[in-house]
Amino acid sequence: PLPSSTADDVAKASADAARAAGIEVFVVGVGADVNAAYLQT
């Protein structure tokens, strides 16, 4: 969601919340445009 500058931060916060709820989170990054270091977080 907007602002786009914080969209990655809020997505990671949602993943952290999922983990806190006991959910195991896997990510598959496809192609050369993904930020692999970010997606690993």
All heavy atoms as atom14 arrays in JSON, in Angstrom:
{
  "sequence": "PLPSSTADDVAKASADAARAAGIEVFVVGVGADVNAAYLQT",
  "atom14_mask": [
    [1, 1, 1, 1, 1, 1, 1, 0, 0, 0, 0, 0, 0, 0],
    [1, 1, 1, 1, 1, 1, 1, 1, 0, 0, 0, 0, 0, 0],
    [1, 1, 1, 1, 1, 1, 1, 0, 0, 0, 0, 0, 0, 0],
    [1, 1, 1, 1, 1, 1, 0, 0, 0, 0, 0, 0, 0, 0],
    [1, 1, 1, 1, 1, 1, 0, 0, 0, 0, 0, 0, 0, 0],
    [1, 1, 1, 1, 1, 1, 1, 0, 0, 0, 0, 0, 0, 0],
    [1, 1, 1, 1, 1, 0, 0, 0, 0, 0, 0, 0, 0, 0],
    [1, 1, 1, 1, 1, 1, 1, 1, 0, 0, 0, 0, 0, 0],
    [1, 1, 1, 1, 1, 1, 1, 1, 0, 0, 0, 0, 0, 0],
    [1, 1, 1, 1, 1, 1, 1, 0, 0, 0, 0, 0, 0, 0],
    [1, 1, 1, 1, 1, 0, 0, 0, 0, 0, 0, 0, 0, 0],
    [1, 1, 1, 1, 1, 1, 1, 1, 1, 0, 0, 0, 0, 0],
    [1, 1, 1, 1, 1, 0, 0, 0, 0, 0, 0, 0, 0, 0],
    [1, 1, 1, 1, 1, 1, 0, 0, 0, 0, 0, 0, 0, 0],
    [1, 1, 1, 1, 1, 0, 0, 0, 0, 0, 0, 0, 0, 0],
    [1, 1, 1, 1, 1, 1, 1, 1, 0, 0, 0, 0, 0, 0],
    [1, 1, 1, 1, 1, 0, 0, 0, 0, 0, 0, 0, 0, 0],
    [1, 1, 1, 1, 1, 0, 0, 0, 0, 0, 0, 0, 0, 0],
    [1, 1, 1, 1, 1, 1, 1, 1, 1, 1, 1, 0, 0, 0],
    [1, 1, 1, 1, 1, 0, 0, 0, 0, 0, 0, 0, 0, 0],
    [1, 1, 1, 1, 1, 0, 0, 0, 0, 0, 0, 0, 0, 0],
    [1, 1, 1, 1, 0, 0, 0, 0, 0, 0, 0, 0, 0, 0],
    [1, 1, 1, 1, 1, 1, 1, 1, 0, 0, 0, 0, 0, 0],
    [1, 1, 1, 1, 1, 1, 1, 1, 1, 0, 0, 0, 0, 0],
    [1, 1, 1, 1, 1, 1, 1, 0, 0, 0, 0, 0, 0, 0],
    [1, 1, 1, 1, 1, 1, 1, 1, 1, 1, 1, 0, 0, 0],
    [1, 1, 1, 1, 1, 1, 1, 0, 0, 0, 0, 0, 0, 0],
    [1, 1, 1, 1, 1, 1, 1, 0, 0, 0, 0, 0, 0, 0],
    [1, 1, 1, 1, 0, 0, 0, 0, 0, 0, 0, 0, 0, 0],
    [1, 1, 1, 1, 1, 1, 1, 0, 0, 0, 0, 0, 0, 0],
    [1, 1, 1, 1, 0, 0, 0, 0, 0, 0, 0, 0, 0, 0],
    [1, 1, 1, 1, 1, 0, 0, 0, 0, 0, 0, 0, 0, 0],
    [1, 1, 1, 1, 1, 1, 1, 1, 0, 0, 0, 0, 0, 0],
    [1, 1, 1, 1, 1, 1, 1, 0, 0, 0, 0, 0, 0, 0],
    [1, 1, 1, 1, 1, 1, 1, 1, 0, 0, 0, 0, 0, 0],
    [1, 1, 1, 1, 1, 0, 0, 0, 0, 0, 0, 0, 0, 0],
    [1, 1, 1, 1, 1, 0, 0, 0, 0, 0, 0, 0, 0, 0],
    [1, 1, 1, 1, 1, 1, 1, 1, 1, 1, 1, 1, 0, 0],
    [1, 1, 1, 1, 1, 1, 1, 1, 0, 0, 0, 0, 0, 0],
    [1, 1, 1, 1, 1, 1, 1, 1, 1, 0, 0, 0, 0, 0],
    [1, 1, 1, 1, 1, 1, 1, 0, 0, 0, 0, 0, 0, 0]
  ],
  "atom14_positions": [
    [[0.81, -1.21, 0.0], [0.0, 0.0, 0.0], [0.85, 1.27, 0.0], [2.04, 1.23, 0.34], [-0.79, -0.12, 1.3], [0.12, -0.9, 2.21], [0.79, -1.91, 1.3], [0.0, 0.0, 0.0], [0.0, 0.0, 0.0], [0.0, 0.0, 0.0], [0.0, 0.0, 0.0], [0.0, 0.0, 0.0], [0.0, 0.0, 0.0], [0.0, 0.0, 0.0]],
    [[0.23, 2.36, -0.4], [0.92, 3.64, -0.41], [1.16, 4.1, 1.03], [0.39, 3.78, 1.92], [0.07, 4.68, -1.16], [-0.08, 4.41, -2.66], [-1.09, 5.38, -3.27], [1.26, 4.49, -3.38], [0.0, 0.0, 0.0], [0.0, 0.0, 0.0], [0.0, 0.0, 0.0], [0.0, 0.0, 0.0], [0.0, 0.0, 0.0], [0.0, 0.0, 0.0]],
    [[2.24, 4.85, 1.3], [3.25, 5.26, 0.33], [4.14, 4.1, -0.1], [4.48, 3.24, 0.71], [4.05, 6.33, 1.07], [3.92, 5.95, 2.52], [2.53, 5.37, 2.65], [0.0, 0.0, 0.0], [0.0, 0.0, 0.0], [0.0, 0.0, 0.0], [0.0, 0.0, 0.0], [0.0, 0.0, 0.0], [0.0, 0.0, 0.0], [0.0, 0.0, 0.0]],
    [[4.5, 4.09, -1.36], [5.28, 2.97, -1.9], [6.65, 2.84, -1.23], [7.22, 1.75, -1.19], [5.46, 3.13, -3.41], [6.1, 4.35, -3.73], [0.0, 0.0, 0.0], [0.0, 0.0, 0.0], [0.0, 0.0, 0.0], [0.0, 0.0, 0.0], [0.0, 0.0, 0.0], [0.0, 0.0, 0.0], [0.0, 0.0, 0.0], [0.0, 0.0, 0.0]],
    [[7.14, 3.95, -0.66], [8.47, 3.93, -0.03], [8.51, 3.03, 1.2], [9.6, 2.59, 1.6], [8.89, 5.35, 0.35], [7.95, 5.93, 1.26], [0.0, 0.0, 0.0], [0.0, 0.0, 0.0], [0.0, 0.0, 0.0], [0.0, 0.0, 0.0], [0.0, 0.0, 0.0], [0.0, 0.0, 0.0], [0.0, 0.0, 0.0], [0.0, 0.0, 0.0]],
    [[7.37, 2.76, 1.8], [7.35, 1.91, 2.99], [6.64, 0.58, 2.74], [6.42, -0.2, 3.68], [6.66, 2.62, 4.17], [5.31, 2.94, 3.8], [7.4, 3.89, 4.55], [0.0, 0.0, 0.0], [0.0, 0.0, 0.0], [0.0, 0.0, 0.0], [0.0, 0.0, 0.0], [0.0, 0.0, 0.0], [0.0, 0.0, 0.0], [0.0, 0.0, 0.0]],
    [[6.29, 0.29, 1.48], [5.54, -0.93, 1.18], [6.33, -2.19, 1.56], [5.75, -3.19, 2.0], [5.17, -0.97, -0.3], [0.0, 0.0, 0.0], [0.0, 0.0, 0.0], [0.0, 0.0, 0.0], [0.0, 0.0, 0.0], [0.0, 0.0, 0.0], [0.0, 0.0, 0.0], [0.0, 0.0, 0.0], [0.0, 0.0, 0.0], [0.0, 0.0, 0.0]],
    [[7.65, -2.14, 1.38], [8.46, -3.3, 1.75], [8.51, -3.46, 3.26], [8.46, -4.59, 3.79], [9.87, -3.22, 1.15], [10.58, -1.93, 1.48], [9.94, -0.99, 2.02], [11.79, -1.83, 1.18], [0.0, 0.0, 0.0], [0.0, 0.0, 0.0], [0.0, 0.0, 0.0], [0.0, 0.0, 0.0], [0.0, 0.0, 0.0], [0.0, 0.0, 0.0]],
    [[8.57, -2.35, 3.98], [8.63, -2.42, 5.45], [7.35, -3.02, 6.03], [7.41, -3.86, 6.94], [8.85, -1.02, 6.04], [10.18, -0.42, 5.64], [11.16, -1.19, 5.51], [10.25, 0.8, 5.47], [0.0, 0.0, 0.0], [0.0, 0.0, 0.0], [0.0, 0.0, 0.0], [0.0, 0.0, 0.0], [0.0, 0.0, 0.0], [0.0, 0.0, 0.0]],
    [[6.19, -2.6, 5.52], [4.94, -3.1, 6.09], [4.69, -4.55, 5.7], [4.08, -5.32, 6.46], [3.73, -2.2, 5.72], [3.91, -0.81, 6.32], [3.52, -2.12, 4.22], [0.0, 0.0, 0.0], [0.0, 0.0, 0.0], [0.0, 0.0, 0.0], [0.0, 0.0, 0.0], [0.0, 0.0, 0.0], [0.0, 0.0, 0.0], [0.0, 0.0, 0.0]],
    [[5.2, -4.95, 4.52], [5.08, -6.36, 4.14], [5.92, -7.24, 5.05], [5.48, -8.32, 5.49], [5.5, -6.56, 2.68], [0.0, 0.0, 0.0], [0.0, 0.0, 0.0], [0.0, 0.0, 0.0], [0.0, 0.0, 0.0], [0.0, 0.0, 0.0], [0.0, 0.0, 0.0], [0.0, 0.0, 0.0], [0.0, 0.0, 0.0], [0.0, 0.0, 0.0]],
    [[7.14, -6.79, 5.37], [7.97, -7.55, 6.3], [7.34, -7.6, 7.69], [7.36, -8.63, 8.36], [9.37, -6.96, 6.41], [10.28, -7.79, 7.33], [11.59, -7.14, 7.63], [12.46, -8.02, 8.53], [11.77, -8.4, 9.79], [0.0, 0.0, 0.0], [0.0, 0.0, 0.0], [0.0, 0.0, 0.0], [0.0, 0.0, 0.0], [0.0, 0.0, 0.0]],
    [[6.73, -6.49, 8.1], [6.05, -6.47, 9.41], [4.91, -7.49, 9.43], [4.68, -8.15, 10.45], [5.54, -5.08, 9.72], [0.0, 0.0, 0.0], [0.0, 0.0, 0.0], [0.0, 0.0, 0.0], [0.0, 0.0, 0.0], [0.0, 0.0, 0.0], [0.0, 0.0, 0.0], [0.0, 0.0, 0.0], [0.0, 0.0, 0.0], [0.0, 0.0, 0.0]],
    [[4.21, -7.63, 8.3], [3.14, -8.62, 8.23], [3.7, -10.04, 8.3], [3.1, -10.92, 8.93], [2.33, -8.43, 6.94], [1.54, -7.26, 7.02], [0.0, 0.0, 0.0], [0.0, 0.0, 0.0], [0.0, 0.0, 0.0], [0.0, 0.0, 0.0], [0.0, 0.0, 0.0], [0.0, 0.0, 0.0], [0.0, 0.0, 0.0], [0.0, 0.0, 0.0]],
    [[4.83, -10.27, 7.64], [5.48, -11.59, 7.73], [5.94, -11.86, 9.15], [5.81, -13.0, 9.65], [6.65, -11.66, 6.76], [0.0, 0.0, 0.0], [0.0, 0.0, 0.0], [0.0, 0.0, 0.0], [0.0, 0.0, 0.0], [0.0, 0.0, 0.0], [0.0, 0.0, 0.0], [0.0, 0.0, 0.0], [0.0, 0.0, 0.0], [0.0, 0.0, 0.0]],
    [[6.47, -10.84, 9.83], [6.88, -11.0, 11.23], [5.69, -11.33, 12.11], [5.78, -12.16, 13.03], [7.56, -9.72, 11.73], [8.93, -9.5, 11.12], [9.52, -10.47, 10.59], [9.4, -8.35, 11.14], [0.0, 0.0, 0.0], [0.0, 0.0, 0.0], [0.0, 0.0, 0.0], [0.0, 0.0, 0.0], [0.0, 0.0, 0.0], [0.0, 0.0, 0.0]],
    [[4.54, -10.7, 11.83], [3.33, -10.98, 12.6], [2.86, -12.41, 12.37], [2.38, -13.09, 13.29], [2.23, -9.98, 12.24], [0.0, 0.0, 0.0], [0.0, 0.0, 0.0], [0.0, 0.0, 0.0], [0.0, 0.0, 0.0], [0.0, 0.0, 0.0], [0.0, 0.0, 0.0], [0.0, 0.0, 0.0], [0.0, 0.0, 0.0], [0.0, 0.0, 0.0]],
    [[3.0, -12.88, 11.13], [2.65, -14.27, 10.83], [3.52, -15.22, 11.62], [3.04, -16.2, 12.21], [2.79, -14.53, 9.33], [0.0, 0.0, 0.0], [0.0, 0.0, 0.0], [0.0, 0.0, 0.0], [0.0, 0.0, 0.0], [0.0, 0.0, 0.0], [0.0, 0.0, 0.0], [0.0, 0.0, 0.0], [0.0, 0.0, 0.0], [0.0, 0.0, 0.0]],
    [[4.83, -14.93, 11.66], [5.75, -15.77, 12.43], [5.38, -15.77, 13.9], [5.41, -16.8, 14.57], [7.19, -15.27, 12.25], [7.93, -15.96, 11.15], [9.38, -15.51, 11.09], [9.52, -14.15, 10.61], [9.47, -13.81, 9.33], [9.26, -14.74, 8.41], [9.62, -12.57, 8.94], [0.0, 0.0, 0.0], [0.0, 0.0, 0.0], [0.0, 0.0, 0.0]],
    [[5.04, -14.58, 14.41], [4.67, -14.47, 15.83], [3.43, -15.29, 16.14], [3.23, -15.74, 17.28], [4.44, -13.01, 16.19], [0.0, 0.0, 0.0], [0.0, 0.0, 0.0], [0.0, 0.0, 0.0], [0.0, 0.0, 0.0], [0.0, 0.0, 0.0], [0.0, 0.0, 0.0], [0.0, 0.0, 0.0], [0.0, 0.0, 0.0], [0.0, 0.0, 0.0]],
    [[2.6, -15.53, 15.11], [1.39, -16.34, 15.28], [1.67, -17.82, 15.06], [0.75, -18.64, 15.06], [0.31, -15.87, 14.31], [0.0, 0.0, 0.0], [0.0, 0.0, 0.0], [0.0, 0.0, 0.0], [0.0, 0.0, 0.0], [0.0, 0.0, 0.0], [0.0, 0.0, 0.0], [0.0, 0.0, 0.0], [0.0, 0.0, 0.0], [0.0, 0.0, 0.0]],
    [[2.95, -18.18, 14.88], [3.33, -19.57, 14.74], [3.32, -20.11, 13.33], [3.33, -21.32, 13.12], [0.0, 0.0, 0.0], [0.0, 0.0, 0.0], [0.0, 0.0, 0.0], [0.0, 0.0, 0.0], [0.0, 0.0, 0.0], [0.0, 0.0, 0.0], [0.0, 0.0, 0.0], [0.0, 0.0, 0.0], [0.0, 0.0, 0.0], [0.0, 0.0, 0.0]],
    [[3.3, -19.21, 12.35], [3.24, -19.61, 10.93], [4.65, -19.65, 10.36], [5.43, -18.7, 10.51], [2.37, -18.63, 10.13], [0.94, -18.63, 10.66], [2.39, -18.98, 8.64], [0.08, -17.5, 10.12], [0.0, 0.0, 0.0], [0.0, 0.0, 0.0], [0.0, 0.0, 0.0], [0.0, 0.0, 0.0], [0.0, 0.0, 0.0], [0.0, 0.0, 0.0]],
    [[4.97, -20.75, 9.68], [6.25, -20.88, 8.99], [6.12, -20.2, 7.62], [5.17, -20.47, 6.89], [6.6, -22.35, 8.83], [8.03, -22.63, 8.38], [8.37, -24.12, 8.44], [7.45, -24.95, 8.62], [9.55, -24.44, 8.31], [0.0, 0.0, 0.0], [0.0, 0.0, 0.0], [0.0, 0.0, 0.0], [0.0, 0.0, 0.0], [0.0, 0.0, 0.0]],
    [[7.06, -19.31, 7.29], [6.95, -18.51, 6.06], [8.07, -18.87, 5.09], [9.26, -18.69, 5.39], [6.99, -17.0, 6.37], [6.86, -16.18, 5.08], [5.88, -16.62, 7.36], [0.0, 0.0, 0.0], [0.0, 0.0, 0.0], [0.0, 0.0, 0.0], [0.0, 0.0, 0.0], [0.0, 0.0, 0.0], [0.0, 0.0, 0.0], [0.0, 0.0, 0.0]],
    [[7.67, -19.38, 3.93], [8.58, -19.67, 2.83], [8.37, -18.62, 1.74], [7.24, -18.15, 1.54], [8.29, -21.04, 2.22], [8.45, -22.2, 3.15], [7.41, -22.59, 3.99], [9.63, -22.94, 3.18], [7.53, -23.69, 4.84], [9.78, -24.03, 4.03], [8.73, -24.4, 4.86], [0.0, 0.0, 0.0], [0.0, 0.0, 0.0], [0.0, 0.0, 0.0]],
    [[9.45, -18.26, 1.03], [9.34, -17.31, -0.08], [10.09, -17.85, -1.29], [11.22, -18.34, -1.16], [9.9, -15.92, 0.29], [9.78, -14.96, -0.9], [9.18, -15.34, 1.51], [0.0, 0.0, 0.0], [0.0, 0.0, 0.0], [0.0, 0.0, 0.0], [0.0, 0.0, 0.0], [0.0, 0.0, 0.0], [0.0, 0.0, 0.0], [0.0, 0.0, 0.0]],
    [[9.45, -17.76, -2.46], [10.11, -18.06, -3.73], [10.2, -16.77, -4.53], [9.18, -16.18, -4.87], [9.32, -19.12, -4.53], [10.05, -19.43, -5.84], [9.14, -20.39, -3.71], [0.0, 0.0, 0.0], [0.0, 0.0, 0.0], [0.0, 0.0, 0.0], [0.0, 0.0, 0.0], [0.0, 0.0, 0.0], [0.0, 0.0, 0.0], [0.0, 0.0, 0.0]],
    [[11.42, -16.33, -4.79], [11.65, -15.15, -5.61], [11.92, -15.56, -7.05], [12.79, -16.38, -7.3], [0.0, 0.0, 0.0], [0.0, 0.0, 0.0], [0.0, 0.0, 0.0], [0.0, 0.0, 0.0], [0.0, 0.0, 0.0], [0.0, 0.0, 0.0], [0.0, 0.0, 0.0], [0.0, 0.0, 0.0], [0.0, 0.0, 0.0], [0.0, 0.0, 0.0]],
    [[11.16, -14.98, -7.99], [11.25, -15.38, -9.39], [11.86, -14.25, -10.23], [11.39, -13.12, -10.19], [9.85, -15.73, -9.96], [9.97, -16.23, -11.39], [9.15, -16.76, -9.09], [0.0, 0.0, 0.0], [0.0, 0.0, 0.0], [0.0, 0.0, 0.0], [0.0, 0.0, 0.0], [0.0, 0.0, 0.0], [0.0, 0.0, 0.0], [0.0, 0.0, 0.0]],
    [[12.92, -14.57, -10.97], [13.5, -13.61, -11.9], [14.58, -12.74, -11.28], [14.93, -12.87, -10.11], [0.0, 0.0, 0.0], [0.0, 0.0, 0.0], [0.0, 0.0, 0.0], [0.0, 0.0, 0.0], [0.0, 0.0, 0.0], [0.0, 0.0, 0.0], [0.0, 0.0, 0.0], [0.0, 0.0, 0.0], [0.0, 0.0, 0.0], [0.0, 0.0, 0.0]],
    [[15.07, -11.82, -12.11], [16.22, -11.0, -11.73], [15.84, -9.7, -11.04], [16.71, -8.97, -10.54], [17.06, -10.68, -12.97], [0.0, 0.0, 0.0], [0.0, 0.0, 0.0], [0.0, 0.0, 0.0], [0.0, 0.0, 0.0], [0.0, 0.0, 0.0], [0.0, 0.0, 0.0], [0.0, 0.0, 0.0], [0.0, 0.0, 0.0], [0.0, 0.0, 0.0]],
    [[14.55, -9.36, -11.02], [14.14, -8.06, -10.47], [13.87, -8.09, -8.98], [13.67, -7.05, -8.36], [12.88, -7.57, -11.2], [13.17, -7.21, -12.65], [14.33, -6.88, -12.96], [12.23, -7.28, -13.47], [0.0, 0.0, 0.0], [0.0, 0.0, 0.0], [0.0, 0.0, 0.0], [0.0, 0.0, 0.0], [0.0, 0.0, 0.0], [0.0, 0.0, 0.0]],
    [[13.83, -9.29, -8.38], [13.54, -9.36, -6.95], [14.76, -8.96, -6.13], [15.9, -9.08, -6.57], [13.08, -10.77, -6.53], [11.79, -11.15, -7.24], [14.15, -11.81, -6.79], [0.0, 0.0, 0.0], [0.0, 0.0, 0.0], [0.0, 0.0, 0.0], [0.0, 0.0, 0.0], [0.0, 0.0, 0.0], [0.0, 0.0, 0.0], [0.0, 0.0, 0.0]],
    [[14.49, -8.47, -4.94], [15.54, -8.15, -3.97], [15.67, -9.36, -3.04], [14.94, -9.49, -2.07], [15.17, -6.89, -3.19], [16.23, -6.47, -2.19], [17.06, -7.27, -1.77], [16.22, -5.21, -1.81], [0.0, 0.0, 0.0], [0.0, 0.0, 0.0], [0.0, 0.0, 0.0], [0.0, 0.0, 0.0], [0.0, 0.0, 0.0], [0.0, 0.0, 0.0]],
    [[16.59, -10.25, -3.39], [16.71, -11.51, -2.65], [17.03, -11.28, -1.18], [16.5, -11.97, -0.31], [17.77, -12.39, -3.3], [0.0, 0.0, 0.0], [0.0, 0.0, 0.0], [0.0, 0.0, 0.0], [0.0, 0.0, 0.0], [0.0, 0.0, 0.0], [0.0, 0.0, 0.0], [0.0, 0.0, 0.0], [0.0, 0.0, 0.0], [0.0, 0.0, 0.0]],
    [[17.89, -10.3, -0.9], [18.25, -10.04, 0.5], [17.03, -9.62, 1.3], [16.84, -10.05, 2.44], [19.33, -8.96, 0.56], [0.0, 0.0, 0.0], [0.0, 0.0, 0.0], [0.0, 0.0, 0.0], [0.0, 0.0, 0.0], [0.0, 0.0, 0.0], [0.0, 0.0, 0.0], [0.0, 0.0, 0.0], [0.0, 0.0, 0.0], [0.0, 0.0, 0.0]],
    [[16.18, -8.8, 0.69], [14.95, -8.39, 1.37], [14.0, -9.56, 1.56], [13.45, -9.76, 2.64], [14.26, -7.28, 0.57], [12.82, -7.06, 0.96], [12.49, -6.48, 2.18], [11.78, -7.49, 0.14], [11.17, -6.31, 2.57], [10.46, -7.33, 0.51], [10.16, -6.73, 1.73], [8.85, -6.59, 2.1], [0.0, 0.0, 0.0], [0.0, 0.0, 0.0]],
    [[13.8, -10.35, 0.5], [12.85, -11.45, 0.58], [13.28, -12.51, 1.59], [12.44, -13.19, 2.18], [12.63, -12.08, -0.79], [11.86, -11.22, -1.79], [11.75, -11.93, -3.14], [10.46, -10.86, -1.26], [0.0, 0.0, 0.0], [0.0, 0.0, 0.0], [0.0, 0.0, 0.0], [0.0, 0.0, 0.0], [0.0, 0.0, 0.0], [0.0, 0.0, 0.0]],
    [[14.58, -12.62, 1.83], [15.05, -13.54, 2.87], [14.63, -13.07, 4.25], [14.49, -13.87, 5.17], [16.57, -13.71, 2.79], [17.01, -14.54, 1.6], [18.52, -14.7, 1.52], [19.2, -14.73, 2.54], [19.03, -14.79, 0.32], [0.0, 0.0, 0.0], [0.0, 0.0, 0.0], [0.0, 0.0, 0.0], [0.0, 0.0, 0.0], [0.0, 0.0, 0.0]],
    [[14.41, -11.75, 4.41], [13.91, -11.24, 5.7], [12.41, -11.43, 5.82], [11.88, -11.47, 6.93], [14.26, -9.75, 5.89], [13.49, -8.93, 5.01], [15.74, -9.51, 5.66], [0.0, 0.0, 0.0], [0.0, 0.0, 0.0], [0.0, 0.0, 0.0], [0.0, 0.0, 0.0], [0.0, 0.0, 0.0], [0.0, 0.0, 0.0], [0.0, 0.0, 0.0]]
  ]
}
